[in-house]
């Protein structure tokens, strides 16, 4: 079982975080559209650079396992906030699905907060080099 845990941690970090990196990058290309969408739900569009930095920066940090617990906590909060702000229209089934997806992702990130990045991570490498 140790080998399964050893290799599932980096794969899990990649799978749970890759979508945030890609979403952040896509927001750069579709900046005006994303800014308009944010403003349409009452979120100031001037926060978009922070959103992009959060998704790309924290997503990459989790993928490589650097400051994983902090990055995962940030992304868990981001997921919960996004669920509440953008997907709380439960009369729309798709929005309810998106809400639940964000809450589930937050749960996965909280597991990283609790258990750390695992063996194959920069956190582990830095801890062993001290």
N, C-alpha and C. Protein backbone atom coordinates (compact mmCIF):
# COMPACT_ATOMS: atom_id res chain seq x y z
N UNK A 1 0.82 -1.20 0.00
CA UNK A 1 0.00 0.00 0.00
C UNK A 1 0.86 1.26 0.00
N UNK A 2 2.07 1.18 0.53
CA UNK A 2 2.94 2.36 0.58
C UNK A 2 3.22 2.90 -0.82
N UNK A 3 3.46 2.02 -1.79
CA UNK A 3 3.74 2.47 -3.16
C UNK A 3 2.52 3.17 -3.77
N UNK A 4 1.32 2.67 -3.48
CA UNK A 4 0.11 3.30 -3.99
C UNK A 4 0.00 4.71 -3.43
N UNK A 5 0.22 4.87 -2.14
CA UNK A 5 0.17 6.19 -1.52
C UNK A 5 1.26 7.09 -2.08
N UNK A 6 2.44 6.53 -2.25
CA UNK A 6 3.59 7.30 -2.73
C UNK A 6 3.33 7.91 -4.10
N UNK A 7 2.71 7.14 -5.00
CA UNK A 7 2.49 7.62 -6.36
C UNK A 7 1.13 8.29 -6.55
N UNK A 8 0.18 7.99 -5.68
CA UNK A 8 -1.13 8.62 -5.83
C UNK A 8 -1.12 10.08 -5.38
N UNK A 9 -0.23 10.43 -4.46
CA UNK A 9 -0.18 11.82 -3.98
C UNK A 9 0.19 12.80 -5.10
N UNK A 10 1.29 12.59 -5.85
CA UNK A 10 1.58 13.57 -6.91
C UNK A 10 0.55 13.55 -8.03
N UNK A 11 0.02 12.37 -8.35
CA UNK A 11 -1.01 12.30 -9.38
C UNK A 11 -2.27 13.02 -8.91
N UNK A 12 -2.64 12.82 -7.67
CA UNK A 12 -3.80 13.50 -7.11
C UNK A 12 -3.62 15.01 -7.08
N UNK A 13 -2.43 15.46 -6.72
CA UNK A 13 -2.16 16.91 -6.73
C UNK A 13 -2.30 17.48 -8.13
N UNK A 14 -1.79 16.75 -9.12
CA UNK A 14 -1.90 17.20 -10.51
C UNK A 14 -3.36 17.25 -10.95
N UNK A 15 -4.10 16.18 -10.68
CA UNK A 15 -5.47 16.10 -11.15
C UNK A 15 -6.38 17.13 -10.50
N UNK A 16 -6.17 17.41 -9.23
CA UNK A 16 -7.05 18.36 -8.55
C UNK A 16 -6.69 19.80 -8.86
N UNK A 17 -5.45 20.06 -9.28
CA UNK A 17 -4.99 21.44 -9.47
C UNK A 17 -4.87 21.88 -10.92
N UNK A 18 -4.72 20.95 -11.83
CA UNK A 18 -4.48 21.30 -13.23
C UNK A 18 -5.58 22.19 -13.79
N UNK A 19 -6.83 21.92 -13.42
CA UNK A 19 -7.94 22.72 -13.93
C UNK A 19 -7.85 24.17 -13.51
N UNK A 20 -7.27 24.44 -12.34
CA UNK A 20 -7.13 25.82 -11.88
C UNK A 20 -6.06 26.55 -12.68
N UNK A 21 -4.97 25.87 -12.97
CA UNK A 21 -3.91 26.47 -13.79
C UNK A 21 -4.47 26.80 -15.16
N UNK A 22 -5.16 25.87 -15.77
CA UNK A 22 -5.72 26.09 -17.10
C UNK A 22 -6.80 27.17 -17.08
N UNK A 23 -7.62 27.18 -16.06
CA UNK A 23 -8.68 28.20 -15.96
C UNK A 23 -8.07 29.59 -15.81
N UNK A 24 -7.02 29.69 -14.99
CA UNK A 24 -6.36 30.98 -14.82
C UNK A 24 -5.74 31.48 -16.12
N UNK A 25 -5.10 30.58 -16.84
CA UNK A 25 -4.48 30.95 -18.12
C UNK A 25 -5.55 31.36 -19.13
N UNK A 26 -6.67 30.64 -19.15
CA UNK A 26 -7.74 30.98 -20.10
C UNK A 26 -8.36 32.33 -19.77
N UNK A 27 -8.37 32.70 -18.51
CA UNK A 27 -8.90 34.01 -18.12
C UNK A 27 -8.04 35.14 -18.67
N UNK A 28 -6.76 34.89 -18.85
CA UNK A 28 -5.88 35.92 -19.43
C UNK A 28 -6.30 36.18 -20.87
N UNK A 29 -6.54 35.11 -21.63
CA UNK A 29 -6.96 35.24 -23.02
C UNK A 29 -8.36 35.81 -23.18
N UNK A 30 -9.22 35.53 -22.24
CA UNK A 30 -10.59 36.03 -22.29
C UNK A 30 -10.85 37.03 -21.19
N UNK A 31 -9.90 37.91 -20.98
CA UNK A 31 -9.92 38.83 -19.84
C UNK A 31 -11.20 39.65 -19.77
N UNK A 32 -11.55 40.32 -20.85
CA UNK A 32 -12.70 41.22 -20.84
C UNK A 32 -14.01 40.46 -20.59
N UNK A 33 -14.13 39.29 -21.21
CA UNK A 33 -15.33 38.49 -21.00
C UNK A 33 -15.46 38.02 -19.57
N UNK A 34 -14.34 37.57 -18.99
CA UNK A 34 -14.36 37.11 -17.60
C UNK A 34 -14.66 38.27 -16.65
N UNK A 35 -14.05 39.41 -16.94
CA UNK A 35 -14.27 40.60 -16.11
C UNK A 35 -15.76 41.00 -16.16
N UNK A 36 -16.34 40.95 -17.35
CA UNK A 36 -17.76 41.27 -17.50
C UNK A 36 -18.65 40.29 -16.75
N UNK A 37 -18.29 39.00 -16.80
CA UNK A 37 -19.08 37.99 -16.08
C UNK A 37 -19.00 38.22 -14.58
N UNK A 38 -17.81 38.51 -14.09
CA UNK A 38 -17.65 38.78 -12.66
C UNK A 38 -18.52 39.95 -12.24
N UNK A 39 -18.49 41.01 -13.02
CA UNK A 39 -19.26 42.21 -12.69
C UNK A 39 -20.76 41.94 -12.78
N UNK A 40 -21.17 41.03 -13.66
CA UNK A 40 -22.60 40.73 -13.80
C UNK A 40 -23.18 40.05 -12.57
N UNK A 41 -22.32 39.43 -11.76
CA UNK A 41 -22.80 38.80 -10.52
C UNK A 41 -22.41 39.61 -9.29
N UNK A 42 -21.92 40.83 -9.52
CA UNK A 42 -21.65 41.73 -8.40
C UNK A 42 -20.24 41.65 -7.83
N UNK A 43 -19.34 40.97 -8.51
CA UNK A 43 -17.94 40.89 -8.06
C UNK A 43 -17.14 41.92 -8.85
N UNK A 44 -16.40 42.80 -8.18
CA UNK A 44 -15.63 43.81 -8.90
C UNK A 44 -14.64 43.19 -9.89
N UNK A 45 -14.71 43.63 -11.13
CA UNK A 45 -13.82 43.12 -12.18
C UNK A 45 -12.36 43.40 -11.91
N UNK A 46 -12.08 44.41 -11.08
CA UNK A 46 -10.69 44.73 -10.77
C UNK A 46 -10.02 43.62 -9.94
N UNK A 47 -10.79 42.66 -9.45
CA UNK A 47 -10.23 41.53 -8.70
C UNK A 47 -9.71 40.42 -9.62
N UNK A 48 -9.95 40.55 -10.93
CA UNK A 48 -9.56 39.48 -11.84
C UNK A 48 -8.07 39.15 -11.80
N UNK A 49 -7.16 40.12 -11.73
CA UNK A 49 -5.74 39.75 -11.63
C UNK A 49 -5.45 38.88 -10.40
N UNK A 50 -6.12 39.17 -9.28
CA UNK A 50 -5.96 38.35 -8.08
C UNK A 50 -6.49 36.94 -8.30
N UNK A 51 -7.62 36.83 -9.00
CA UNK A 51 -8.19 35.52 -9.32
C UNK A 51 -7.21 34.71 -10.17
N UNK A 52 -6.67 35.36 -11.21
CA UNK A 52 -5.72 34.68 -12.09
C UNK A 52 -4.50 34.24 -11.31
N UNK A 53 -3.95 35.13 -10.51
CA UNK A 53 -2.77 34.80 -9.70
C UNK A 53 -3.07 33.65 -8.74
N UNK A 54 -4.25 33.67 -8.15
CA UNK A 54 -4.64 32.60 -7.22
C UNK A 54 -4.72 31.26 -7.94
N UNK A 55 -5.43 31.23 -9.06
CA UNK A 55 -5.61 29.97 -9.77
C UNK A 55 -4.29 29.43 -10.31
N UNK A 56 -3.52 30.27 -10.98
CA UNK A 56 -2.27 29.80 -11.58
C UNK A 56 -1.21 29.56 -10.51
N UNK A 57 -1.01 30.53 -9.65
CA UNK A 57 0.05 30.42 -8.64
C UNK A 57 -0.16 29.31 -7.64
N UNK A 58 -1.34 29.30 -7.03
CA UNK A 58 -1.60 28.25 -6.03
C UNK A 58 -1.77 26.89 -6.69
N UNK A 59 -2.35 26.88 -7.90
CA UNK A 59 -2.48 25.61 -8.62
C UNK A 59 -1.12 24.99 -8.91
N UNK A 60 -0.18 25.81 -9.40
CA UNK A 60 1.18 25.29 -9.66
C UNK A 60 1.87 24.87 -8.38
N UNK A 61 1.67 25.63 -7.30
CA UNK A 61 2.29 25.28 -6.02
C UNK A 61 1.82 23.90 -5.55
N UNK A 62 0.53 23.63 -5.68
CA UNK A 62 0.01 22.32 -5.27
C UNK A 62 0.55 21.23 -6.19
N UNK A 63 0.60 21.49 -7.49
CA UNK A 63 1.09 20.47 -8.42
C UNK A 63 2.50 20.04 -8.09
N UNK A 64 3.39 20.99 -7.84
CA UNK A 64 4.79 20.65 -7.54
C UNK A 64 5.00 20.32 -6.07
N UNK A 65 3.99 20.57 -5.25
CA UNK A 65 4.10 20.25 -3.83
C UNK A 65 4.94 21.24 -3.06
N UNK A 66 4.78 22.51 -3.36
CA UNK A 66 5.54 23.56 -2.66
C UNK A 66 4.59 24.35 -1.76
N UNK A 67 4.89 24.39 -0.48
CA UNK A 67 4.01 25.05 0.49
C UNK A 67 2.58 24.55 0.29
N UNK A 68 2.48 23.24 0.16
CA UNK A 68 1.24 22.59 -0.26
C UNK A 68 0.09 22.88 0.68
N UNK A 69 0.32 22.80 1.96
CA UNK A 69 -0.78 23.00 2.90
C UNK A 69 -1.35 24.41 2.79
N UNK A 70 -0.49 25.39 2.66
CA UNK A 70 -0.94 26.79 2.54
C UNK A 70 -1.66 26.99 1.21
N UNK A 71 -1.05 26.50 0.11
CA UNK A 71 -1.66 26.65 -1.21
C UNK A 71 -3.00 25.93 -1.28
N UNK A 72 -3.07 24.73 -0.72
CA UNK A 72 -4.33 23.97 -0.73
C UNK A 72 -5.40 24.67 0.11
N UNK A 73 -5.01 25.26 1.22
CA UNK A 73 -5.97 26.00 2.03
C UNK A 73 -6.50 27.21 1.24
N UNK A 74 -5.61 27.89 0.53
CA UNK A 74 -6.04 29.01 -0.30
C UNK A 74 -7.01 28.57 -1.39
N UNK A 75 -6.72 27.47 -2.05
CA UNK A 75 -7.61 26.99 -3.11
C UNK A 75 -8.92 26.45 -2.54
N UNK A 76 -8.90 25.88 -1.35
CA UNK A 76 -10.15 25.43 -0.72
C UNK A 76 -11.05 26.64 -0.47
N UNK A 77 -10.47 27.70 0.08
CA UNK A 77 -11.25 28.92 0.30
C UNK A 77 -11.75 29.52 -1.00
N UNK A 78 -10.89 29.51 -2.02
CA UNK A 78 -11.26 30.02 -3.34
C UNK A 78 -12.46 29.24 -3.89
N UNK A 79 -12.43 27.91 -3.75
CA UNK A 79 -13.52 27.06 -4.25
C UNK A 79 -14.83 27.36 -3.54
N UNK A 80 -14.77 27.51 -2.23
CA UNK A 80 -15.98 27.78 -1.46
C UNK A 80 -16.54 29.16 -1.83
N UNK A 81 -15.66 30.14 -1.92
CA UNK A 81 -16.08 31.49 -2.29
C UNK A 81 -16.69 31.50 -3.70
N UNK A 82 -16.04 30.83 -4.65
CA UNK A 82 -16.57 30.78 -6.02
C UNK A 82 -17.91 30.07 -6.06
N UNK A 83 -18.07 29.02 -5.27
CA UNK A 83 -19.35 28.30 -5.22
C UNK A 83 -20.46 29.23 -4.76
N UNK A 84 -20.19 29.97 -3.70
CA UNK A 84 -21.21 30.86 -3.14
C UNK A 84 -21.52 32.03 -4.07
N UNK A 85 -20.48 32.63 -4.63
CA UNK A 85 -20.67 33.83 -5.45
C UNK A 85 -21.23 33.54 -6.84
N UNK A 86 -20.80 32.43 -7.45
CA UNK A 86 -21.12 32.20 -8.85
C UNK A 86 -22.08 31.04 -9.12
N UNK A 87 -22.27 30.16 -8.14
CA UNK A 87 -23.02 28.94 -8.44
C UNK A 87 -24.10 28.62 -7.42
N UNK A 88 -24.64 29.62 -6.73
CA UNK A 88 -25.62 29.36 -5.68
C UNK A 88 -27.06 29.41 -6.18
N UNK A 89 -27.27 29.43 -7.49
CA UNK A 89 -28.63 29.42 -8.04
C UNK A 89 -29.09 27.97 -8.17
N UNK A 90 -29.67 27.44 -7.10
CA UNK A 90 -30.02 26.03 -7.06
C UNK A 90 -31.24 25.68 -7.91
N UNK A 91 -31.94 26.69 -8.42
CA UNK A 91 -33.05 26.40 -9.33
C UNK A 91 -32.53 26.00 -10.71
N UNK A 92 -31.26 26.29 -10.97
CA UNK A 92 -30.61 25.90 -12.22
C UNK A 92 -29.75 24.66 -11.91
N UNK A 93 -30.13 23.53 -12.47
CA UNK A 93 -29.44 22.27 -12.15
C UNK A 93 -27.94 22.34 -12.45
N UNK A 94 -27.55 22.98 -13.55
CA UNK A 94 -26.14 23.07 -13.89
C UNK A 94 -25.38 23.88 -12.84
N UNK A 95 -25.98 24.94 -12.34
CA UNK A 95 -25.33 25.74 -11.30
C UNK A 95 -25.21 24.94 -10.00
N UNK A 96 -26.21 24.13 -9.70
CA UNK A 96 -26.13 23.29 -8.51
C UNK A 96 -25.00 22.26 -8.66
N UNK A 97 -24.85 21.69 -9.85
CA UNK A 97 -23.75 20.75 -10.10
C UNK A 97 -22.41 21.46 -9.93
N UNK A 98 -22.29 22.66 -10.48
CA UNK A 98 -21.05 23.43 -10.35
C UNK A 98 -20.78 23.77 -8.88
N UNK A 99 -21.83 24.10 -8.14
CA UNK A 99 -21.68 24.38 -6.71
C UNK A 99 -21.11 23.16 -5.99
N UNK A 100 -21.70 22.00 -6.25
CA UNK A 100 -21.25 20.77 -5.60
C UNK A 100 -19.83 20.40 -6.03
N UNK A 101 -19.48 20.64 -7.30
CA UNK A 101 -18.12 20.38 -7.78
C UNK A 101 -17.13 21.23 -6.98
N UNK A 102 -17.44 22.50 -6.80
CA UNK A 102 -16.54 23.38 -6.06
C UNK A 102 -16.42 22.95 -4.60
N UNK A 103 -17.52 22.55 -4.00
CA UNK A 103 -17.48 22.10 -2.60
C UNK A 103 -16.66 20.81 -2.50
N UNK A 104 -16.83 19.90 -3.45
CA UNK A 104 -16.04 18.66 -3.47
C UNK A 104 -14.56 18.94 -3.64
N UNK A 105 -14.21 19.86 -4.53
CA UNK A 105 -12.80 20.23 -4.70
C UNK A 105 -12.25 20.83 -3.42
N UNK A 106 -13.03 21.66 -2.75
CA UNK A 106 -12.59 22.23 -1.48
C UNK A 106 -12.28 21.11 -0.48
N UNK A 107 -13.12 20.08 -0.47
CA UNK A 107 -12.87 18.94 0.41
C UNK A 107 -11.56 18.24 0.08
N UNK A 108 -11.30 18.06 -1.21
CA UNK A 108 -10.03 17.45 -1.62
C UNK A 108 -8.83 18.30 -1.19
N UNK A 109 -8.95 19.61 -1.36
CA UNK A 109 -7.85 20.48 -0.94
C UNK A 109 -7.66 20.45 0.58
N UNK A 110 -8.76 20.33 1.32
CA UNK A 110 -8.62 20.24 2.77
C UNK A 110 -7.94 18.94 3.20
N UNK A 111 -8.11 17.88 2.41
CA UNK A 111 -7.36 16.65 2.69
C UNK A 111 -5.85 16.89 2.51
N UNK A 112 -5.49 17.68 1.50
CA UNK A 112 -4.07 18.03 1.34
C UNK A 112 -3.58 18.87 2.51
N UNK A 113 -4.43 19.75 3.02
CA UNK A 113 -4.06 20.53 4.20
C UNK A 113 -3.78 19.59 5.36
N UNK A 114 -4.63 18.59 5.53
CA UNK A 114 -4.51 17.66 6.65
C UNK A 114 -3.32 16.71 6.52
N UNK A 115 -3.05 16.23 5.30
CA UNK A 115 -2.07 15.16 5.12
C UNK A 115 -0.79 15.59 4.43
N UNK A 116 -0.75 16.77 3.86
CA UNK A 116 0.45 17.23 3.18
C UNK A 116 0.58 16.70 1.77
N UNK A 117 1.71 17.01 1.16
CA UNK A 117 1.93 16.75 -0.26
C UNK A 117 2.37 15.33 -0.58
N UNK A 118 2.93 14.63 0.36
CA UNK A 118 3.42 13.29 0.09
C UNK A 118 4.91 13.27 -0.24
N UNK A 119 5.38 12.09 -0.59
CA UNK A 119 6.82 11.87 -0.80
C UNK A 119 7.40 12.65 -1.95
N UNK A 120 6.73 12.62 -3.08
CA UNK A 120 7.26 13.28 -4.27
C UNK A 120 6.74 14.71 -4.34
N UNK A 121 7.41 15.59 -3.61
CA UNK A 121 7.00 16.99 -3.55
C UNK A 121 8.21 17.84 -3.17
N UNK A 122 8.12 19.09 -3.51
CA UNK A 122 9.18 20.01 -3.08
C UNK A 122 9.18 20.16 -1.56
N UNK A 123 8.00 20.12 -0.95
CA UNK A 123 7.93 20.20 0.51
C UNK A 123 8.77 19.09 1.14
N UNK A 124 8.61 17.87 0.66
CA UNK A 124 9.33 16.74 1.19
C UNK A 124 10.83 16.87 0.93
N UNK A 125 11.16 17.26 -0.28
CA UNK A 125 12.57 17.42 -0.65
C UNK A 125 13.26 18.49 0.21
N UNK A 126 12.59 19.62 0.40
CA UNK A 126 13.15 20.70 1.22
C UNK A 126 13.28 20.29 2.68
N UNK A 127 12.30 19.54 3.19
CA UNK A 127 12.36 19.07 4.58
C UNK A 127 13.52 18.10 4.78
N UNK A 128 13.81 17.27 3.79
CA UNK A 128 14.88 16.29 3.91
C UNK A 128 16.26 16.89 3.68
N UNK A 129 16.33 18.08 3.08
CA UNK A 129 17.63 18.69 2.81
C UNK A 129 18.10 19.55 3.98
N UNK A 130 17.25 19.76 4.96
CA UNK A 130 17.63 20.60 6.11
C UNK A 130 18.37 19.83 7.15
